[in-house]
Amino acid sequence: MARIDFAFGATEKIAQACQTTLKQYLAGHKLLVYCSNAARLKAYDTKLWAVEPTAFVPHVMVTDPLAERTPIWLVSGDLEQALARAPADAWLLNLDEHCPPALGNTARVLEIVSEDEDDKAAARARWAHYKAAGHELKAHRLT
């Protein structure tokens, strides 16, 4: 079972996801960022290029030929296939409104939750789904 970390209280979900990605990248973690909504994933991609003025977070779409040599993969399509190709120690950042359609052997899933009521409601549904599946859940309050 995976450990699922929910970070509650983000002022802006995509901006917080970029900060989280930068932190995980600097810690040496490989990360798959999943979202079935192409526009949301594109917004994340755009903000990640400017997460900090002097920071560079190498990331590509999972279909890019350089994916195997890049630590951050953006996934909007077949997550199960991406997980099968991913390094064994890769984590999953879920930016989707729903639980990821697959977790593979992922040991850790990160969830960012904003103060938006619809986002909080979707997060509650994801929490309940993960709990029913037997995953280890952790809640963190962002400051």
C-alpha atoms as a PDB file:
ATOM      1  CA  MET A   1       0.000   0.000   0.000  1.00  0.00           C
ATOM      2  CA  ALA A   2       1.115   3.531  -0.701  1.00  0.00           C
ATOM      3  CA  ARG A   3       1.523   6.369   1.735  1.00  0.00           C
ATOM      4  CA  ILE A   4      -0.717   9.256   0.685  1.00  0.00           C
ATOM      5  CA  ASP A   5       0.239  12.742   1.911  1.00  0.00           C
ATOM      6  CA  PHE A   6      -2.424  15.445   1.738  1.00  0.00           C
ATOM      7  CA  ALA A   7      -1.204  19.030   2.092  1.00  0.00           C
ATOM      8  CA  PHE A   8      -4.206  21.183   3.016  1.00  0.00           C
ATOM      9  CA  GLY A   9      -4.556  24.948   2.858  1.00  0.00           C
ATOM     10  CA  ALA A  10      -2.780  25.920  -0.340  1.00  0.00           C
ATOM     11  CA  THR A  11      -3.491  29.498  -1.313  1.00  0.00           C
ATOM     12  CA  GLU A  12      -3.143  28.539  -4.981  1.00  0.00           C
ATOM     13  CA  LYS A  13      -2.981  24.842  -5.861  1.00  0.00           C
ATOM     14  CA  ILE A  14      -0.790  25.006  -8.979  1.00  0.00           C
ATOM     15  CA  ALA A  15       1.716  27.400  -7.404  1.00  0.00           C
ATOM     16  CA  GLN A  16       1.956  25.166  -4.327  1.00  0.00           C
ATOM     17  CA  ALA A  17       2.369  22.097  -6.555  1.00  0.00           C
ATOM     18  CA  CYS A  18       5.311  23.837  -8.240  1.00  0.00           C
ATOM     19  CA  GLN A  19       6.911  24.647  -4.875  1.00  0.00           C
ATOM     20  CA  THR A  20       6.390  21.036  -3.778  1.00  0.00           C
ATOM     21  CA  THR A  21       7.941  19.774  -7.007  1.00  0.00           C
ATOM     22  CA  LEU A  22      10.971  22.036  -6.540  1.00  0.00           C
ATOM     23  CA  LYS A  23      11.398  20.790  -2.975  1.00  0.00           C
ATOM     24  CA  GLN A  24      11.158  17.137  -4.033  1.00  0.00           C
ATOM     25  CA  TYR A  25      13.541  17.682  -6.950  1.00  0.00           C
ATOM     26  CA  LEU A  26      16.125  19.328  -4.671  1.00  0.00           C
ATOM     27  CA  ALA A  27      15.736  16.384  -2.269  1.00  0.00           C
ATOM     28  CA  GLY A  28      16.632  14.047  -5.130  1.00  0.00           C
ATOM     29  CA  HIS A  29      13.212  12.479  -5.657  1.00  0.00           C
ATOM     30  CA  LYS A  30      11.921  11.476  -9.056  1.00  0.00           C
ATOM     31  CA  LEU A  31       8.318  12.523  -9.571  1.00  0.00           C
ATOM     32  CA  LEU A  32       5.434  11.749 -11.887  1.00  0.00           C
ATOM     33  CA  VAL A  33       2.900  14.578 -12.018  1.00  0.00           C
ATOM     34  CA  TYR A  34      -0.508  13.295 -13.076  1.00  0.00           C
ATOM     35  CA  CYS A  35      -3.541  15.244 -14.271  1.00  0.00           C
ATOM     36  CA  SER A  36      -6.102  14.150 -16.846  1.00  0.00           C
ATOM     37  CA  ASN A  37      -7.024  17.808 -17.430  1.00  0.00           C
ATOM     38  CA  ALA A  38      -4.589  18.933 -20.141  1.00  0.00           C
ATOM     39  CA  ALA A  39      -5.218  22.647 -19.475  1.00  0.00           C
ATOM     40  CA  ARG A  40      -4.404  22.269 -15.764  1.00  0.00           C
ATOM     41  CA  LEU A  41      -1.263  20.268 -16.553  1.00  0.00           C
ATOM     42  CA  LYS A  42      -0.208  22.937 -19.068  1.00  0.00           C
ATOM     43  CA  ALA A  43      -0.741  25.658 -16.431  1.00  0.00           C
ATOM     44  CA  TYR A  44       1.427  23.665 -14.028  1.00  0.00           C
ATOM     45  CA  ASP A  45       4.097  23.202 -16.719  1.00  0.00           C
ATOM     46  CA  THR A  46       4.139  26.934 -17.455  1.00  0.00           C
ATOM     47  CA  LYS A  47       4.414  27.903 -13.773  1.00  0.00           C
ATOM     48  CA  LEU A  48       7.097  25.312 -13.125  1.00  0.00           C
ATOM     49  CA  TRP A  49       9.390  27.104 -15.580  1.00  0.00           C
ATOM     50  CA  ALA A  50       9.199  30.190 -13.357  1.00  0.00           C
ATOM     51  CA  VAL A  51       8.790  28.626  -9.905  1.00  0.00           C
ATOM     52  CA  GLU A  52      11.752  30.689  -8.656  1.00  0.00           C
ATOM     53  CA  PRO A  53      13.913  33.144 -10.610  1.00  0.00           C
ATOM     54  CA  THR A  54      17.117  31.130 -10.205  1.00  0.00           C
ATOM     55  CA  ALA A  55      15.642  27.623 -10.039  1.00  0.00           C
ATOM     56  CA  PHE A  56      15.538  25.120 -12.856  1.00  0.00           C
ATOM     57  CA  VAL A  57      13.351  22.053 -12.436  1.00  0.00           C
ATOM     58  CA  PRO A  58      13.959  19.633 -15.322  1.00  0.00           C
ATOM     59  CA  HIS A  59      10.642  18.227 -16.472  1.00  0.00           C
ATOM     60  CA  VAL A  60       9.101  16.843 -19.654  1.00  0.00           C
ATOM     61  CA  MET A  61       5.971  15.130 -20.837  1.00  0.00           C
ATOM     62  CA  VAL A  62       6.244  11.389 -20.263  1.00  0.00           C
ATOM     63  CA  THR A  63       6.096  10.888 -24.044  1.00  0.00           C
ATOM     64  CA  ASP A  64       9.200  13.025 -24.613  1.00  0.00           C
ATOM     65  CA  PRO A  65      12.283  11.111 -25.834  1.00  0.00           C
ATOM     66  CA  LEU A  66      14.252  12.657 -22.935  1.00  0.00           C
ATOM     67  CA  ALA A  67      11.862  11.352 -20.250  1.00  0.00           C
ATOM     68  CA  GLU A  68      14.132   8.480 -19.237  1.00  0.00           C
ATOM     69  CA  ARG A  69      16.852  11.019 -18.355  1.00  0.00           C
ATOM     70  CA  THR A  70      14.586  13.609 -16.726  1.00  0.00           C
ATOM     71  CA  PRO A  71      13.523  13.465 -13.051  1.00  0.00           C
ATOM     72  CA  ILE A  72      10.049  15.010 -13.421  1.00  0.00           C
ATOM     73  CA  TRP A  73       7.515  13.477 -15.819  1.00  0.00           C
ATOM     74  CA  LEU A  74       4.203  15.129 -16.683  1.00  0.00           C
ATOM     75  CA  VAL A  75       1.464  12.574 -17.367  1.00  0.00           C
ATOM     76  CA  SER A  76      -2.008  13.263 -18.735  1.00  0.00           C
ATOM     77  CA  GLY A  77      -2.685   9.996 -20.524  1.00  0.00           C
ATOM     78  CA  ASP A  78      -1.915   6.398 -19.655  1.00  0.00           C
ATOM     79  CA  LEU A  79      -0.693   6.612 -16.063  1.00  0.00           C
ATOM     80  CA  GLU A  80      -0.383   2.857 -15.690  1.00  0.00           C
ATOM     81  CA  GLN A  81       2.060   2.701 -18.607  1.00  0.00           C
ATOM     82  CA  ALA A  82       4.012   5.681 -17.226  1.00  0.00           C
ATOM     83  CA  LEU A  83       4.263   4.032 -13.809  1.00  0.00           C
ATOM     84  CA  ALA A  84       5.537   0.833 -15.405  1.00  0.00           C
ATOM     85  CA  ARG A  85       8.364   2.833 -17.061  1.00  0.00           C
ATOM     86  CA  ALA A  86       9.115   5.002 -14.036  1.00  0.00           C
ATOM     87  CA  PRO A  87      12.012   4.375 -11.676  1.00  0.00           C
ATOM     88  CA  ALA A  88      11.028   2.210  -8.706  1.00  0.00           C
ATOM     89  CA  ASP A  89      11.630   5.080  -6.266  1.00  0.00           C
ATOM     90  CA  ALA A  90       9.486   7.645  -8.120  1.00  0.00           C
ATOM     91  CA  TRP A  91       6.708   9.433  -6.259  1.00  0.00           C
ATOM     92  CA  LEU A  92       3.380  10.542  -7.728  1.00  0.00           C
ATOM     93  CA  LEU A  93       1.978  14.073  -7.440  1.00  0.00           C
ATOM     94  CA  ASN A  94      -1.733  13.980  -8.225  1.00  0.00           C
ATOM     95  CA  LEU A  95      -3.164  17.231  -9.615  1.00  0.00           C
ATOM     96  CA  ASP A  96      -6.363  15.568 -10.811  1.00  0.00           C
ATOM     97  CA  GLU A  97      -9.773  16.048  -9.195  1.00  0.00           C
ATOM     98  CA  HIS A  98     -10.047  12.268  -8.835  1.00  0.00           C
ATOM     99  CA  CYS A  99      -7.785   9.554  -7.506  1.00  0.00           C
ATOM    100  CA  PRO A 100      -5.210   8.411 -10.037  1.00  0.00           C
ATOM    101  CA  PRO A 101      -6.510   5.523 -12.166  1.00  0.00           C
ATOM    102  CA  ALA A 102      -3.458   3.465 -11.150  1.00  0.00           C
ATOM    103  CA  LEU A 103      -0.753   3.587  -8.510  1.00  0.00           C
ATOM    104  CA  GLY A 104       1.442   0.725  -9.679  1.00  0.00           C
ATOM    105  CA  ASN A 105       4.158   0.150  -7.101  1.00  0.00           C
ATOM    106  CA  THR A 106       4.247   3.802  -6.082  1.00  0.00           C
ATOM    107  CA  ALA A 107       5.274   4.081  -2.451  1.00  0.00           C
ATOM    108  CA  ARG A 108       4.220   7.713  -2.024  1.00  0.00           C
ATOM    109  CA  VAL A 109       1.475   9.927  -3.445  1.00  0.00           C
ATOM    110  CA  LEU A 110       1.316  13.677  -2.857  1.00  0.00           C
ATOM    111  CA  GLU A 111      -1.976  15.577  -2.908  1.00  0.00           C
ATOM    112  CA  ILE A 112      -2.217  19.388  -2.777  1.00  0.00           C
ATOM    113  CA  VAL A 113      -5.534  20.839  -1.581  1.00  0.00           C
ATOM    114  CA  SER A 114      -6.472  24.498  -1.893  1.00  0.00           C
ATOM    115  CA  GLU A 115      -8.952  26.482   0.181  1.00  0.00           C
ATOM    116  CA  ASP A 116     -11.464  26.349  -2.685  1.00  0.00           C
ATOM    117  CA  GLU A 117     -14.634  24.545  -1.502  1.00  0.00           C
ATOM    118  CA  ASP A 118     -14.912  22.396  -4.644  1.00  0.00           C
ATOM    119  CA  ASP A 119     -11.265  21.385  -4.337  1.00  0.00           C
ATOM    120  CA  LYS A 120     -11.735  20.493  -0.661  1.00  0.00           C
ATOM    121  CA  ALA A 121     -14.824  18.409  -1.488  1.00  0.00           C
ATOM    122  CA  ALA A 122     -12.920  16.532  -4.203  1.00  0.00           C
ATOM    123  CA  ALA A 123     -10.048  15.956  -1.744  1.00  0.00           C
ATOM    124  CA  ARG A 124     -12.459  14.507   0.825  1.00  0.00           C
ATOM    125  CA  ALA A 125     -13.704  12.049  -1.795  1.00  0.00           C
ATOM    126  CA  ARG A 126     -10.125  11.081  -2.694  1.00  0.00           C
ATOM    127  CA  TRP A 127      -9.285  10.659   1.000  1.00  0.00           C
ATOM    128  CA  ALA A 128     -12.262   8.327   1.490  1.00  0.00           C
ATOM    129  CA  HIS A 129     -11.302   6.310  -1.603  1.00  0.00           C
ATOM    130  CA  TYR A 130      -7.685   5.920  -0.501  1.00  0.00           C
ATOM    131  CA  LYS A 131      -8.771   4.998   3.033  1.00  0.00           C
ATOM    132  CA  ALA A 132     -11.196   2.355   1.779  1.00  0.00           C
ATOM    133  CA  ALA A 133      -8.367   0.905  -0.342  1.00  0.00           C
ATOM    134  CA  GLY A 134      -6.202   0.549   2.778  1.00  0.00           C
ATOM    135  CA  HIS A 135      -3.540   3.169   2.058  1.00  0.00           C
ATOM    136  CA  GLU A 136      -1.667   4.977   4.845  1.00  0.00           C
ATOM    137  CA  LEU A 137      -2.979   8.554   4.995  1.00  0.00           C
ATOM    138  CA  LYS A 138      -1.190  11.616   6.371  1.00  0.00           C
ATOM    139  CA  ALA A 139      -2.600  15.139   6.591  1.00  0.00           C
ATOM    140  CA  HIS A 140      -0.376  18.220   6.658  1.00  0.00           C
ATOM    141  CA  ARG A 141      -1.497  21.810   7.134  1.00  0.00           C
ATOM    142  CA  LEU A 142       0.343  24.315   4.943  1.00  0.00           C
ATOM    143  CA  THR A 143       1.222  27.551   6.680  1.00  0.00           C
END
